[in-house]
Amino acid sequence: MRKGLTVGSLIPGKSRTVASELPSHHDKTAPVAKTNDNPRMVRLKQRNQEHSIPFVPGATLLDAALQQKEALDYKCKQGHCGKCTVQVISGISLLGSPTEQERTKLGSKIAMGYRLACQTTFATPYNDKR
């Protein structure tokens, strides 16, 4: 509860109000943009929704997302329909190289960070051919 100021409350040592009781009107810390705090996480966007998918070596983005109860759209799981197309925002270094199916379906969009979640696997020493 905030106490009103009186003449006596302005004299050092006479105030009963503790600094922690006063509301902070001027917070010195500016708001910080949300970043990828976990370097073992891939942030992606699908249909204006952002998702964070934890690194699961060898798994596809889609399988890892579904394990984490992330609601990614998908249909065929074979890379034909394109419904699982996502744009990688951060963590692309955790992913393996685009598959032939991705190159066929997405073409030049791959350079803009687009991938097929059902075909994109997390990098392992065995599947990354960059």
N, C-alpha and C. Protein backbone atom coordinates (compact mmCIF):
# COMPACT_ATOMS: atom_id res chain seq x y z
N MET A 1 0.84 -1.17 0.00
CA MET A 1 0.00 0.00 0.00
C MET A 1 0.89 1.23 0.00
N ARG A 2 0.56 2.21 -0.80
CA ARG A 2 1.35 3.43 -0.91
C ARG A 2 0.87 4.44 0.12
N LYS A 3 1.84 5.05 0.82
CA LYS A 3 1.53 6.05 1.82
C LYS A 3 1.71 7.43 1.22
N GLY A 4 0.87 8.40 1.63
CA GLY A 4 0.99 9.77 1.14
C GLY A 4 2.21 10.45 1.73
N LEU A 5 2.74 11.42 1.01
CA LEU A 5 3.90 12.17 1.48
C LEU A 5 3.44 13.30 2.41
N THR A 6 4.19 13.49 3.46
CA THR A 6 3.97 14.62 4.37
C THR A 6 5.30 15.35 4.52
N VAL A 7 5.27 16.52 5.13
CA VAL A 7 6.51 17.27 5.34
C VAL A 7 7.50 16.43 6.12
N GLY A 8 7.04 15.76 7.13
CA GLY A 8 7.92 14.95 7.95
C GLY A 8 8.50 13.76 7.22
N SER A 9 7.79 13.25 6.22
CA SER A 9 8.27 12.06 5.51
C SER A 9 9.43 12.39 4.59
N LEU A 10 9.67 13.67 4.32
CA LEU A 10 10.76 14.06 3.44
C LEU A 10 12.07 14.23 4.19
N ILE A 11 12.03 14.22 5.53
CA ILE A 11 13.23 14.36 6.33
C ILE A 11 13.89 12.99 6.43
N PRO A 12 15.19 12.90 6.11
CA PRO A 12 15.88 11.61 6.17
C PRO A 12 15.73 10.98 7.55
N GLY A 13 15.45 9.71 7.56
CA GLY A 13 15.31 8.96 8.80
C GLY A 13 13.92 9.02 9.39
N LYS A 14 13.03 9.86 8.90
CA LYS A 14 11.69 10.00 9.45
C LYS A 14 10.64 9.24 8.62
N SER A 15 11.01 8.81 7.48
CA SER A 15 10.05 8.16 6.59
C SER A 15 9.85 6.72 6.99
N ARG A 16 8.61 6.27 7.00
CA ARG A 16 8.29 4.88 7.28
C ARG A 16 8.13 4.09 5.99
N THR A 17 8.07 4.80 4.88
CA THR A 17 7.88 4.14 3.60
C THR A 17 9.20 3.57 3.13
N VAL A 18 9.20 2.31 2.81
CA VAL A 18 10.39 1.64 2.32
C VAL A 18 10.39 1.76 0.81
N ALA A 19 11.55 1.93 0.22
CA ALA A 19 11.67 2.12 -1.23
C ALA A 19 11.00 1.00 -2.01
N SER A 20 11.04 -0.22 -1.49
CA SER A 20 10.43 -1.34 -2.21
C SER A 20 8.91 -1.26 -2.24
N GLU A 21 8.32 -0.42 -1.33
CA GLU A 21 6.87 -0.27 -1.32
C GLU A 21 6.38 0.71 -2.37
N LEU A 22 7.29 1.55 -2.87
CA LEU A 22 6.91 2.54 -3.86
C LEU A 22 6.85 1.92 -5.24
N PRO A 23 5.88 2.33 -6.05
CA PRO A 23 5.82 1.78 -7.40
C PRO A 23 6.97 2.31 -8.24
N SER A 24 7.46 1.50 -9.11
CA SER A 24 8.56 1.91 -9.98
C SER A 24 7.98 2.47 -11.27
N HIS A 25 8.07 3.80 -11.43
CA HIS A 25 7.55 4.43 -12.64
C HIS A 25 8.59 4.47 -13.74
N HIS A 26 9.84 4.38 -13.38
CA HIS A 26 10.90 4.48 -14.37
C HIS A 26 11.81 3.28 -14.26
N ASP A 27 11.42 2.24 -14.91
CA ASP A 27 12.25 1.04 -14.91
C ASP A 27 13.43 1.29 -15.84
N LYS A 28 14.62 1.08 -15.34
CA LYS A 28 15.83 1.38 -16.10
C LYS A 28 16.08 0.39 -17.22
N THR A 29 15.47 -0.77 -17.17
CA THR A 29 15.71 -1.76 -18.21
C THR A 29 14.68 -1.61 -19.32
N ALA A 30 15.17 -1.46 -20.51
CA ALA A 30 14.29 -1.33 -21.68
C ALA A 30 13.80 -2.72 -22.06
N PRO A 31 12.61 -2.81 -22.65
CA PRO A 31 12.13 -4.12 -23.08
C PRO A 31 13.09 -4.71 -24.12
N VAL A 32 13.33 -5.98 -23.99
CA VAL A 32 14.25 -6.67 -24.88
C VAL A 32 13.44 -7.55 -25.82
N ALA A 33 13.80 -7.53 -27.08
CA ALA A 33 13.12 -8.38 -28.06
C ALA A 33 13.38 -9.84 -27.69
N LYS A 34 12.38 -10.66 -27.88
CA LYS A 34 12.52 -12.08 -27.57
C LYS A 34 13.53 -12.70 -28.52
N THR A 35 14.50 -13.35 -27.94
CA THR A 35 15.53 -13.99 -28.75
C THR A 35 15.50 -15.48 -28.50
N ASN A 36 16.26 -16.18 -29.28
CA ASN A 36 16.36 -17.61 -29.11
C ASN A 36 17.35 -17.87 -27.99
N ASP A 37 16.85 -17.97 -26.73
CA ASP A 37 17.71 -18.16 -25.57
C ASP A 37 18.40 -19.51 -25.58
N ASN A 38 17.80 -20.48 -26.21
CA ASN A 38 18.36 -21.82 -26.24
C ASN A 38 19.02 -22.04 -27.60
N PRO A 39 20.36 -22.17 -27.62
CA PRO A 39 21.03 -22.37 -28.90
C PRO A 39 20.73 -23.72 -29.53
N ARG A 40 20.05 -24.60 -28.83
CA ARG A 40 19.70 -25.92 -29.37
C ARG A 40 18.21 -25.95 -29.72
N MET A 41 17.71 -24.81 -30.21
CA MET A 41 16.29 -24.67 -30.53
C MET A 41 16.17 -24.04 -31.92
N VAL A 42 15.21 -24.51 -32.69
CA VAL A 42 14.92 -23.92 -33.99
C VAL A 42 13.62 -23.14 -33.87
N ARG A 43 13.66 -21.87 -34.25
CA ARG A 43 12.45 -21.05 -34.27
C ARG A 43 11.99 -20.98 -35.71
N LEU A 44 10.70 -21.24 -35.91
CA LEU A 44 10.16 -21.19 -37.25
C LEU A 44 8.79 -20.57 -37.27
N LYS A 45 8.35 -20.23 -38.46
CA LYS A 45 7.07 -19.57 -38.64
C LYS A 45 6.27 -20.33 -39.69
N GLN A 46 4.99 -20.54 -39.38
CA GLN A 46 4.07 -21.16 -40.33
C GLN A 46 2.73 -20.44 -40.21
N ARG A 47 2.29 -19.89 -41.31
CA ARG A 47 1.00 -19.17 -41.35
C ARG A 47 0.88 -18.14 -40.22
N ASN A 48 1.88 -17.28 -40.11
CA ASN A 48 1.93 -16.19 -39.12
C ASN A 48 1.96 -16.63 -37.67
N GLN A 49 2.27 -17.89 -37.41
CA GLN A 49 2.44 -18.37 -36.04
C GLN A 49 3.88 -18.82 -35.87
N GLU A 50 4.50 -18.41 -34.76
CA GLU A 50 5.87 -18.82 -34.49
C GLU A 50 5.88 -20.04 -33.58
N HIS A 51 6.85 -20.90 -33.81
CA HIS A 51 7.01 -22.13 -33.03
C HIS A 51 8.48 -22.28 -32.68
N SER A 52 8.77 -22.83 -31.52
CA SER A 52 10.13 -23.16 -31.10
C SER A 52 10.21 -24.68 -30.97
N ILE A 53 11.14 -25.25 -31.72
CA ILE A 53 11.28 -26.71 -31.76
C ILE A 53 12.64 -27.09 -31.20
N PRO A 54 12.69 -27.93 -30.15
CA PRO A 54 13.97 -28.33 -29.59
C PRO A 54 14.73 -29.28 -30.51
N PHE A 55 16.04 -29.22 -30.42
CA PHE A 55 16.94 -30.07 -31.22
C PHE A 55 16.75 -31.53 -30.85
N VAL A 56 16.43 -32.34 -31.85
CA VAL A 56 16.30 -33.79 -31.68
C VAL A 56 17.11 -34.41 -32.82
N PRO A 57 18.35 -34.84 -32.57
CA PRO A 57 19.22 -35.33 -33.65
C PRO A 57 18.56 -36.40 -34.51
N GLY A 58 18.59 -36.17 -35.82
CA GLY A 58 18.07 -37.14 -36.78
C GLY A 58 16.57 -37.08 -37.01
N ALA A 59 15.81 -36.42 -36.14
CA ALA A 59 14.34 -36.33 -36.30
C ALA A 59 14.00 -35.25 -37.32
N THR A 60 12.82 -35.36 -37.91
CA THR A 60 12.36 -34.28 -38.78
C THR A 60 11.81 -33.16 -37.92
N LEU A 61 11.76 -31.96 -38.49
CA LEU A 61 11.16 -30.83 -37.77
C LEU A 61 9.72 -31.16 -37.40
N LEU A 62 8.99 -31.79 -38.31
CA LEU A 62 7.59 -32.12 -38.06
C LEU A 62 7.46 -33.09 -36.89
N ASP A 63 8.23 -34.16 -36.88
CA ASP A 63 8.15 -35.13 -35.79
C ASP A 63 8.52 -34.50 -34.45
N ALA A 64 9.57 -33.69 -34.44
CA ALA A 64 9.98 -33.03 -33.19
C ALA A 64 8.90 -32.06 -32.72
N ALA A 65 8.28 -31.35 -33.65
CA ALA A 65 7.21 -30.41 -33.29
C ALA A 65 6.01 -31.15 -32.71
N LEU A 66 5.61 -32.23 -33.34
CA LEU A 66 4.46 -32.99 -32.86
C LEU A 66 4.73 -33.61 -31.49
N GLN A 67 5.97 -34.04 -31.24
CA GLN A 67 6.33 -34.57 -29.91
C GLN A 67 6.17 -33.50 -28.84
N GLN A 68 6.40 -32.23 -29.21
CA GLN A 68 6.30 -31.12 -28.26
C GLN A 68 4.91 -30.49 -28.25
N LYS A 69 3.96 -31.13 -28.93
CA LYS A 69 2.57 -30.64 -29.01
C LYS A 69 2.46 -29.28 -29.71
N GLU A 70 3.41 -29.00 -30.63
CA GLU A 70 3.34 -27.79 -31.46
C GLU A 70 2.39 -28.09 -32.62
N ALA A 71 1.48 -27.20 -32.88
CA ALA A 71 0.44 -27.41 -33.89
C ALA A 71 0.90 -26.97 -35.27
N LEU A 72 1.74 -27.77 -35.90
CA LEU A 72 2.15 -27.49 -37.28
C LEU A 72 1.15 -28.14 -38.23
N ASP A 73 0.83 -27.43 -39.31
CA ASP A 73 -0.04 -28.01 -40.34
C ASP A 73 0.77 -28.99 -41.18
N TYR A 74 0.17 -30.10 -41.52
CA TYR A 74 0.80 -31.08 -42.40
C TYR A 74 -0.28 -31.98 -42.99
N LYS A 75 0.09 -32.75 -44.01
CA LYS A 75 -0.87 -33.67 -44.59
C LYS A 75 -0.21 -34.99 -44.98
N CYS A 76 0.61 -34.96 -46.02
CA CYS A 76 1.09 -36.23 -46.58
C CYS A 76 2.34 -36.81 -45.91
N LYS A 77 3.13 -35.98 -45.24
CA LYS A 77 4.39 -36.41 -44.61
C LYS A 77 5.41 -36.98 -45.61
N GLN A 78 5.24 -36.68 -46.88
CA GLN A 78 6.16 -37.19 -47.90
C GLN A 78 6.79 -36.09 -48.74
N GLY A 79 6.44 -34.85 -48.45
CA GLY A 79 7.03 -33.74 -49.19
C GLY A 79 6.34 -33.42 -50.50
N HIS A 80 5.17 -34.00 -50.75
CA HIS A 80 4.47 -33.76 -52.01
C HIS A 80 3.48 -32.60 -51.93
N CYS A 81 2.75 -32.48 -50.84
CA CYS A 81 1.66 -31.50 -50.76
C CYS A 81 2.12 -30.09 -50.43
N GLY A 82 3.19 -29.95 -49.67
CA GLY A 82 3.69 -28.64 -49.29
C GLY A 82 2.97 -27.99 -48.12
N LYS A 83 2.01 -28.67 -47.54
CA LYS A 83 1.23 -28.09 -46.44
C LYS A 83 2.09 -27.83 -45.20
N CYS A 84 3.18 -28.55 -45.04
CA CYS A 84 4.04 -28.39 -43.87
C CYS A 84 5.16 -27.37 -44.09
N THR A 85 5.05 -26.55 -45.13
CA THR A 85 6.08 -25.54 -45.41
C THR A 85 6.19 -24.57 -44.24
N VAL A 86 7.42 -24.34 -43.80
CA VAL A 86 7.70 -23.41 -42.71
C VAL A 86 8.85 -22.51 -43.13
N GLN A 87 8.98 -21.37 -42.45
CA GLN A 87 10.13 -20.50 -42.67
C GLN A 87 10.96 -20.51 -41.39
N VAL A 88 12.22 -20.87 -41.52
CA VAL A 88 13.11 -20.94 -40.37
C VAL A 88 13.57 -19.53 -40.02
N ILE A 89 13.33 -19.12 -38.77
CA ILE A 89 13.70 -17.78 -38.29
C ILE A 89 15.09 -17.81 -37.66
N SER A 90 15.36 -18.83 -36.87
CA SER A 90 16.68 -18.98 -36.27
C SER A 90 16.95 -20.45 -36.01
N GLY A 91 18.24 -20.78 -35.91
CA GLY A 91 18.63 -22.16 -35.66
C GLY A 91 18.83 -22.98 -36.92
N ILE A 92 18.98 -22.31 -38.05
CA ILE A 92 19.13 -23.05 -39.31
C ILE A 92 20.39 -23.91 -39.32
N SER A 93 21.40 -23.52 -38.53
CA SER A 93 22.64 -24.30 -38.48
C SER A 93 22.43 -25.66 -37.82
N LEU A 94 21.30 -25.84 -37.14
CA LEU A 94 21.00 -27.13 -36.50
C LEU A 94 20.37 -28.12 -37.48
N LEU A 95 20.05 -27.64 -38.69
CA LEU A 95 19.34 -28.47 -39.66
C LEU A 95 20.26 -29.03 -40.71
N GLY A 96 19.89 -30.20 -41.22
CA GLY A 96 20.63 -30.80 -42.32
C GLY A 96 20.36 -30.04 -43.62
N SER A 97 21.08 -30.38 -44.64
CA SER A 97 20.91 -29.75 -45.96
C SER A 97 19.55 -30.09 -46.54
N PRO A 98 19.01 -29.21 -47.40
CA PRO A 98 17.72 -29.49 -48.04
C PRO A 98 17.76 -30.79 -48.85
N THR A 99 16.67 -31.53 -48.79
CA THR A 99 16.57 -32.78 -49.54
C THR A 99 16.20 -32.48 -50.99
N GLU A 100 16.32 -33.47 -51.82
CA GLU A 100 15.92 -33.32 -53.23
C GLU A 100 14.44 -32.98 -53.33
N GLN A 101 13.63 -33.59 -52.47
CA GLN A 101 12.19 -33.30 -52.46
C GLN A 101 11.94 -31.83 -52.13
N GLU A 102 12.70 -31.29 -51.17
CA GLU A 102 12.55 -29.87 -50.81
C GLU A 102 12.98 -28.97 -51.97
N ARG A 103 14.08 -29.31 -52.60
CA ARG A 103 14.55 -28.49 -53.73
C ARG A 103 13.54 -28.49 -54.86
N THR A 104 12.92 -29.63 -55.11
CA THR A 104 11.91 -29.73 -56.17
C THR A 104 10.66 -28.92 -55.81
N LYS A 105 10.18 -29.05 -54.58
CA LYS A 105 8.93 -28.41 -54.18
C LYS A 105 9.10 -26.91 -53.92
N LEU A 106 10.19 -26.51 -53.29
CA LEU A 106 10.35 -25.12 -52.85
C LEU A 106 11.23 -24.26 -53.77
N GLY A 107 12.13 -24.87 -54.50
CA GLY A 107 12.99 -24.12 -55.42
C GLY A 107 13.75 -22.99 -54.75
N SER A 108 13.60 -21.77 -55.28
CA SER A 108 14.36 -20.62 -54.78
C SER A 108 13.92 -20.15 -53.39
N LYS A 109 12.78 -20.63 -52.90
CA LYS A 109 12.32 -20.24 -51.56
C LYS A 109 13.25 -20.77 -50.47
N ILE A 110 14.02 -21.80 -50.77
CA ILE A 110 14.95 -22.35 -49.78
C ILE A 110 15.95 -21.28 -49.35
N ALA A 111 16.39 -20.45 -50.29
CA ALA A 111 17.34 -19.38 -49.97
C ALA A 111 16.74 -18.36 -49.01
N MET A 112 15.42 -18.28 -48.92
CA MET A 112 14.75 -17.35 -48.00
C MET A 112 14.39 -18.03 -46.67
N GLY A 113 14.89 -19.25 -46.46
CA GLY A 113 14.68 -19.94 -45.20
C GLY A 113 13.49 -20.88 -45.16
N TYR A 114 12.82 -21.09 -46.30
CA TYR A 114 11.67 -21.99 -46.31
C TYR A 114 12.14 -23.43 -46.40
N ARG A 115 11.44 -24.29 -45.66
CA ARG A 115 11.73 -25.72 -45.65
C ARG A 115 10.43 -26.50 -45.50
N LEU A 116 10.47 -27.78 -45.85
CA LEU A 116 9.34 -28.68 -45.63
C LEU A 116 9.60 -29.38 -44.29
N ALA A 117 8.74 -29.14 -43.31
CA ALA A 117 8.96 -29.69 -41.97
C ALA A 117 9.01 -31.22 -41.97
N CYS A 118 8.29 -31.85 -42.89
CA CYS A 118 8.28 -33.32 -42.92
C CYS A 118 9.55 -33.90 -43.53
N GLN A 119 10.31 -33.09 -44.25
CA GLN A 119 11.53 -33.56 -44.91
C GLN A 119 12.80 -33.05 -44.25
N THR A 120 12.72 -31.93 -43.54
CA THR A 120 13.89 -31.31 -42.92
C THR A 120 14.26 -32.05 -41.65
N THR A 121 15.48 -32.55 -41.61
CA THR A 121 15.95 -33.25 -40.41
C THR A 121 16.97 -32.40 -39.67
N PHE A 122 17.05 -32.64 -38.37
CA PHE A 122 18.09 -32.01 -37.58
C PHE A 122 19.42 -32.61 -38.00
N ALA A 123 20.44 -31.79 -38.03
CA ALA A 123 21.76 -32.23 -38.46
C ALA A 123 22.35 -33.24 -37.49
N THR A 124 23.02 -34.20 -38.05
CA THR A 124 23.83 -35.15 -37.29
C THR A 124 25.14 -35.25 -38.06
N PRO A 125 26.17 -35.82 -37.48
CA PRO A 125 27.42 -35.96 -38.24
C PRO A 125 27.23 -36.80 -39.51
N TYR A 126 26.13 -37.53 -39.61
CA TYR A 126 25.93 -38.44 -40.74
C TYR A 126 25.08 -37.87 -41.85
N ASN A 127 24.18 -36.91 -41.54
CA ASN A 127 23.27 -36.44 -42.59
C ASN A 127 23.54 -35.04 -43.08
N ASP A 128 24.51 -34.32 -42.52
CA ASP A 128 24.77 -32.96 -42.96
C ASP A 128 25.85 -32.96 -44.02
N LYS A 129 25.45 -32.67 -45.25
CA LYS A 129 26.38 -32.67 -46.38
C LYS A 129 26.58 -31.27 -46.93
N ARG A 130 26.74 -30.28 -46.05
CA ARG A 130 26.91 -28.89 -46.50
C ARG A 130 28.26 -28.65 -47.08
